[in-house]
C-alpha atoms as a PDB file:
ATOM      1  CA  MET A   1      98.120 131.380 -45.353  1.00  0.00           C
ATOM      2  CA  GLY A   2      96.143 131.676 -48.446  1.00  0.00           C
ATOM      3  CA  GLY A   3      92.572 131.426 -49.233  1.00  0.00           C
ATOM      4  CA  SER A   4      89.879 131.913 -46.710  1.00  0.00           C
ATOM      5  CA  GLY A   5      89.687 130.294 -43.068  1.00  0.00           C
ATOM      6  CA  ARG A   6      89.533 130.540 -39.419  1.00  0.00           C
ATOM      7  CA  ARG A   7      91.244 129.382 -36.631  1.00  0.00           C
ATOM      8  CA  PHE A   8      90.987 129.305 -32.804  1.00  0.00           C
ATOM      9  CA  LEU A   9      93.772 130.793 -30.904  1.00  0.00           C
ATOM     10  CA  GLU A  10      94.925 130.179 -27.249  1.00  0.00           C
ATOM     11  CA  HIS A  11      93.039 132.125 -24.398  1.00  0.00           C
ATOM     12  CA  MET A  12      93.089 131.220 -20.891  1.00  0.00           C
ATOM     13  CA  SER A  13      89.237 131.693 -20.415  1.00  0.00           C
ATOM     14  CA  ASP A  14      87.530 132.439 -23.520  1.00  0.00           C
ATOM     15  CA  VAL A  15      87.371 131.644 -27.038  1.00  0.00           C
ATOM     16  CA  TYR A  16      89.871 133.730 -29.167  1.00  0.00           C
ATOM     17  CA  VAL A  17      89.249 133.564 -33.010  1.00  0.00           C
ATOM     18  CA  GLU A  18      91.111 134.579 -36.004  1.00  0.00           C
ATOM     19  CA  ALA A  19      89.179 134.743 -39.103  1.00  0.00           C
ATOM     20  CA  TYR A  20      90.898 135.687 -42.637  1.00  0.00           C
ATOM     21  CA  GLY A  21      90.550 136.085 -46.207  1.00  0.00           C
ATOM     22  CA  PRO A  22      91.470 137.841 -49.548  1.00  0.00           C
ATOM     23  CA  THR A  23      88.646 140.339 -48.884  1.00  0.00           C
ATOM     24  CA  MET A  24      87.245 141.758 -45.616  1.00  0.00           C
ATOM     25  CA  GLU A  25      83.900 140.332 -46.673  1.00  0.00           C
ATOM     26  CA  GLU A  26      85.446 136.765 -46.529  1.00  0.00           C
ATOM     27  CA  ALA A  27      87.105 137.585 -43.351  1.00  0.00           C
ATOM     28  CA  PHE A  28      83.698 138.393 -41.955  1.00  0.00           C
ATOM     29  CA  LYS A  29      82.160 135.378 -43.311  1.00  0.00           C
ATOM     30  CA  GLU A  30      84.570 133.264 -41.567  1.00  0.00           C
ATOM     31  CA  ALA A  31      84.303 135.205 -38.514  1.00  0.00           C
ATOM     32  CA  GLY A  32      80.420 134.448 -38.436  1.00  0.00           C
ATOM     33  CA  LEU A  33      81.108 130.704 -39.203  1.00  0.00           C
ATOM     34  CA  ALA A  34      83.663 130.420 -36.212  1.00  0.00           C
ATOM     35  CA  LEU A  35      80.799 131.819 -34.018  1.00  0.00           C
ATOM     36  CA  PHE A  36      78.610 129.171 -34.963  1.00  0.00           C
ATOM     37  CA  ASP A  37      81.460 126.330 -34.855  1.00  0.00           C
ATOM     38  CA  VAL A  38      81.691 127.252 -31.237  1.00  0.00           C
ATOM     39  CA  ILE A  39      78.084 126.737 -30.696  1.00  0.00           C
ATOM     40  CA  SER A  40      77.720 123.544 -32.507  1.00  0.00           C
ATOM     41  CA  ASP A  41      79.304 121.292 -35.265  1.00  0.00           C
ATOM     42  CA  THR A  42      78.219 123.194 -38.291  1.00  0.00           C
ATOM     43  CA  ARG A  43      79.196 120.199 -40.634  1.00  0.00           C
ATOM     44  CA  ASP A  44      75.754 118.672 -39.277  1.00  0.00           C
ATOM     45  CA  VAL A  45      73.792 121.797 -39.914  1.00  0.00           C
ATOM     46  CA  ARG A  46      71.861 121.544 -43.313  1.00  0.00           C
ATOM     47  CA  PRO A  47      71.346 125.145 -45.222  1.00  0.00           C
ATOM     48  CA  ASP A  48      67.621 124.579 -45.330  1.00  0.00           C
ATOM     49  CA  ILE A  49      66.559 128.081 -44.107  1.00  0.00           C
ATOM     50  CA  GLU A  50      67.533 131.399 -45.438  1.00  0.00           C
ATOM     51  CA  ARG A  51      67.853 134.586 -43.460  1.00  0.00           C
ATOM     52  CA  GLU A  52      69.121 137.965 -44.066  1.00  0.00           C
ATOM     53  CA  VAL A  53      71.276 139.619 -42.051  1.00  0.00           C
ATOM     54  CA  CYS A  54      72.510 143.357 -41.652  1.00  0.00           C
ATOM     55  CA  ALA A  55      74.661 145.197 -39.290  1.00  0.00           C
ATOM     56  CA  GLU A  56      76.162 148.738 -38.945  1.00  0.00           C
ATOM     57  CA  GLY A  57      79.165 150.157 -37.140  1.00  0.00           C
ATOM     58  CA  PHE A  58      80.891 153.458 -37.004  1.00  0.00           C
ATOM     59  CA  ASP A  59      84.266 151.899 -37.805  1.00  0.00           C
ATOM     60  CA  MET A  60      85.167 148.305 -38.750  1.00  0.00           C
ATOM     61  CA  GLU A  61      85.697 147.341 -35.060  1.00  0.00           C
ATOM     62  CA  SER A  62      82.151 148.322 -34.298  1.00  0.00           C
ATOM     63  CA  LEU A  63      80.938 146.798 -37.567  1.00  0.00           C
ATOM     64  CA  LEU A  64      82.584 143.267 -36.604  1.00  0.00           C
ATOM     65  CA  TYR A  65      81.075 143.432 -33.025  1.00  0.00           C
ATOM     66  CA  ASN A  66      77.637 144.309 -34.462  1.00  0.00           C
ATOM     67  CA  TRP A  67      77.822 141.737 -37.266  1.00  0.00           C
ATOM     68  CA  LEU A  68      78.606 139.083 -34.626  1.00  0.00           C
ATOM     69  CA  GLU A  69      76.038 140.083 -32.182  1.00  0.00           C
ATOM     70  CA  GLN A  70      73.491 140.055 -34.952  1.00  0.00           C
ATOM     71  CA  LEU A  71      74.511 136.365 -35.518  1.00  0.00           C
ATOM     72  CA  LEU A  72      74.498 135.258 -32.038  1.00  0.00           C
ATOM     73  CA  LEU A  73      70.883 136.713 -31.542  1.00  0.00           C
ATOM     74  CA  LEU A  74      69.809 134.577 -34.166  1.00  0.00           C
ATOM     75  CA  PHE A  75      70.839 131.474 -32.404  1.00  0.00           C
ATOM     76  CA  ASP A  76      69.591 133.112 -28.832  1.00  0.00           C
ATOM     77  CA  LEU A  77      66.447 134.179 -29.903  1.00  0.00           C
ATOM     78  CA  ASP A  78      65.481 131.507 -32.795  1.00  0.00           C
ATOM     79  CA  GLY A  79      67.712 128.645 -32.191  1.00  0.00           C
ATOM     80  CA  PHE A  80      69.098 129.418 -35.774  1.00  0.00           C
ATOM     81  CA  LEU A  81      72.574 127.829 -36.583  1.00  0.00           C
ATOM     82  CA  ALA A  82      74.081 128.625 -40.017  1.00  0.00           C
ATOM     83  CA  SER A  83      76.203 126.671 -41.990  1.00  0.00           C
ATOM     84  CA  GLU A  84      76.672 128.928 -45.039  1.00  0.00           C
ATOM     85  CA  ILE A  85      77.151 132.677 -45.187  1.00  0.00           C
ATOM     86  CA  ILE A  86      77.336 135.161 -48.166  1.00  0.00           C
ATOM     87  CA  VAL A  87      78.560 138.458 -47.494  1.00  0.00           C
ATOM     88  CA  HIS A  88      76.890 140.430 -50.334  1.00  0.00           C
ATOM     89  CA  GLY A  89      79.254 143.630 -49.317  1.00  0.00           C
ATOM     90  CA  ILE A  90      80.637 145.788 -46.530  1.00  0.00           C
ATOM     91  CA  GLU A  91      79.830 149.417 -47.674  1.00  0.00           C
ATOM     92  CA  ARG A  92      79.707 152.817 -46.438  1.00  0.00           C
ATOM     93  CA  SER A  93      76.229 154.050 -45.499  1.00  0.00           C
ATOM     94  CA  GLY A  94      76.346 157.645 -44.607  1.00  0.00           C
ATOM     95  CA  GLU A  95      78.658 158.104 -41.549  1.00  0.00           C
ATOM     96  CA  ASN A  96      78.494 154.373 -40.896  1.00  0.00           C
ATOM     97  CA  LEU A  97      79.867 150.978 -42.428  1.00  0.00           C
ATOM     98  CA  ARG A  98      77.161 148.415 -43.425  1.00  0.00           C
ATOM     99  CA  ILE A  99      77.322 144.697 -43.849  1.00  0.00           C
ATOM    100  CA  ARG A 100      74.784 142.837 -45.696  1.00  0.00           C
ATOM    101  CA  ALA A 101      74.693 138.970 -45.713  1.00  0.00           C
ATOM    102  CA  THR A 102      72.500 135.963 -46.480  1.00  0.00           C
ATOM    103  CA  VAL A 103      72.949 133.165 -43.856  1.00  0.00           C
ATOM    104  CA  ARG A 104      71.780 129.705 -44.425  1.00  0.00           C
ATOM    105  CA  GLY A 105      71.218 127.023 -41.917  1.00  0.00           C
ATOM    106  CA  GLU A 106      68.549 125.398 -39.589  1.00  0.00           C
ATOM    107  CA  ARG A 107      67.095 125.433 -36.138  1.00  0.00           C
ATOM    108  CA  PHE A 108      69.048 123.942 -33.315  1.00  0.00           C
ATOM    109  CA  ASP A 109      67.839 120.266 -32.930  1.00  0.00           C
ATOM    110  CA  PRO A 110      69.287 118.490 -30.079  1.00  0.00           C
ATOM    111  CA  SER A 111      68.773 115.188 -31.333  1.00  0.00           C
ATOM    112  CA  ARG A 112      71.018 115.889 -34.183  1.00  0.00           C
ATOM    113  CA  HIS A 113      73.129 118.755 -33.541  1.00  0.00           C
ATOM    114  CA  LYS A 114      76.210 118.613 -31.029  1.00  0.00           C
ATOM    115  CA  HIS A 115      75.759 121.199 -28.274  1.00  0.00           C
ATOM    116  CA  GLY A 116      79.242 122.950 -28.145  1.00  0.00           C
ATOM    117  CA  ILE A 117      79.998 126.015 -26.011  1.00  0.00           C
ATOM    118  CA  GLY A 118      77.563 128.389 -24.942  1.00  0.00           C
ATOM    119  CA  ILE A 119      78.477 132.210 -25.886  1.00  0.00           C
ATOM    120  CA  LYS A 120      77.517 134.652 -23.460  1.00  0.00           C
ATOM    121  CA  SER A 121      78.495 137.813 -25.502  1.00  0.00           C
ATOM    122  CA  VAL A 122      80.883 139.106 -28.030  1.00  0.00           C
ATOM    123  CA  THR A 123      83.765 141.355 -26.714  1.00  0.00           C
ATOM    124  CA  TYR A 124      86.084 143.964 -28.013  1.00  0.00           C
ATOM    125  CA  ALA A 125      88.689 142.388 -25.990  1.00  0.00           C
ATOM    126  CA  LEU A 126      91.814 141.759 -28.268  1.00  0.00           C
ATOM    127  CA  MET A 127      89.863 142.804 -31.347  1.00  0.00           C
ATOM    128  CA  GLU A 128      91.963 143.354 -34.212  1.00  0.00           C
ATOM    129  CA  ILE A 129      91.453 144.393 -37.858  1.00  0.00           C
ATOM    130  CA  VAL A 130      94.154 143.884 -40.226  1.00  0.00           C
ATOM    131  CA  GLU A 131      93.920 145.015 -43.871  1.00  0.00           C
ATOM    132  CA  ASP A 132      96.944 143.735 -45.541  1.00  0.00           C
ATOM    133  CA  GLU A 133      97.231 141.501 -48.655  1.00  0.00           C
ATOM    134  CA  VAL A 134      95.293 138.903 -46.414  1.00  0.00           C
ATOM    135  CA  LYS A 135      92.398 140.499 -44.482  1.00  0.00           C
ATOM    136  CA  ARG A 136      92.434 139.523 -40.743  1.00  0.00           C
ATOM    137  CA  VAL A 137      90.001 139.871 -37.803  1.00  0.00           C
ATOM    138  CA  ARG A 138      90.500 138.551 -34.406  1.00  0.00           C
ATOM    139  CA  PHE A 139      87.947 138.893 -31.520  1.00  0.00           C
ATOM    140  CA  VAL A 140      86.990 136.899 -28.350  1.00  0.00           C
ATOM    141  CA  LEU A 141      83.761 135.288 -27.521  1.00  0.00           C
ATOM    142  CA  ASP A 142      82.754 135.550 -23.722  1.00  0.00           C
ATOM    143  CA  ILE A 143      81.947 131.876 -22.828  1.00  0.00           C
END
């Protein structure tokens, strides 16, 4: 498994995702894109609007959870779908870790965007952070 990417793993009732890349920033980017892939087909989303997204956590698991929750809120509150994500960095900020990113996309338009699966919430279920040569994150989305 080289480069960056994401895949959906088998789960009985929810969406189980593995995202990976050469850096943790790439793995988090792929995790965010996977979330939007569940909501709609991101290939149909134009990167016309830019939003800045930040999240904090006390460890990598809480950072991943809060990151995905911020992205889900973009859709739930604003109908925003992302097709591009640029993670500027994951850094220590005092006691916490912090991720900063730019997301590009547009508002959901039912006449152009396929409606995928509704996500109720991000969960800690089966969450894994692997920091080997290839950085990997796994998480479950409650649908």
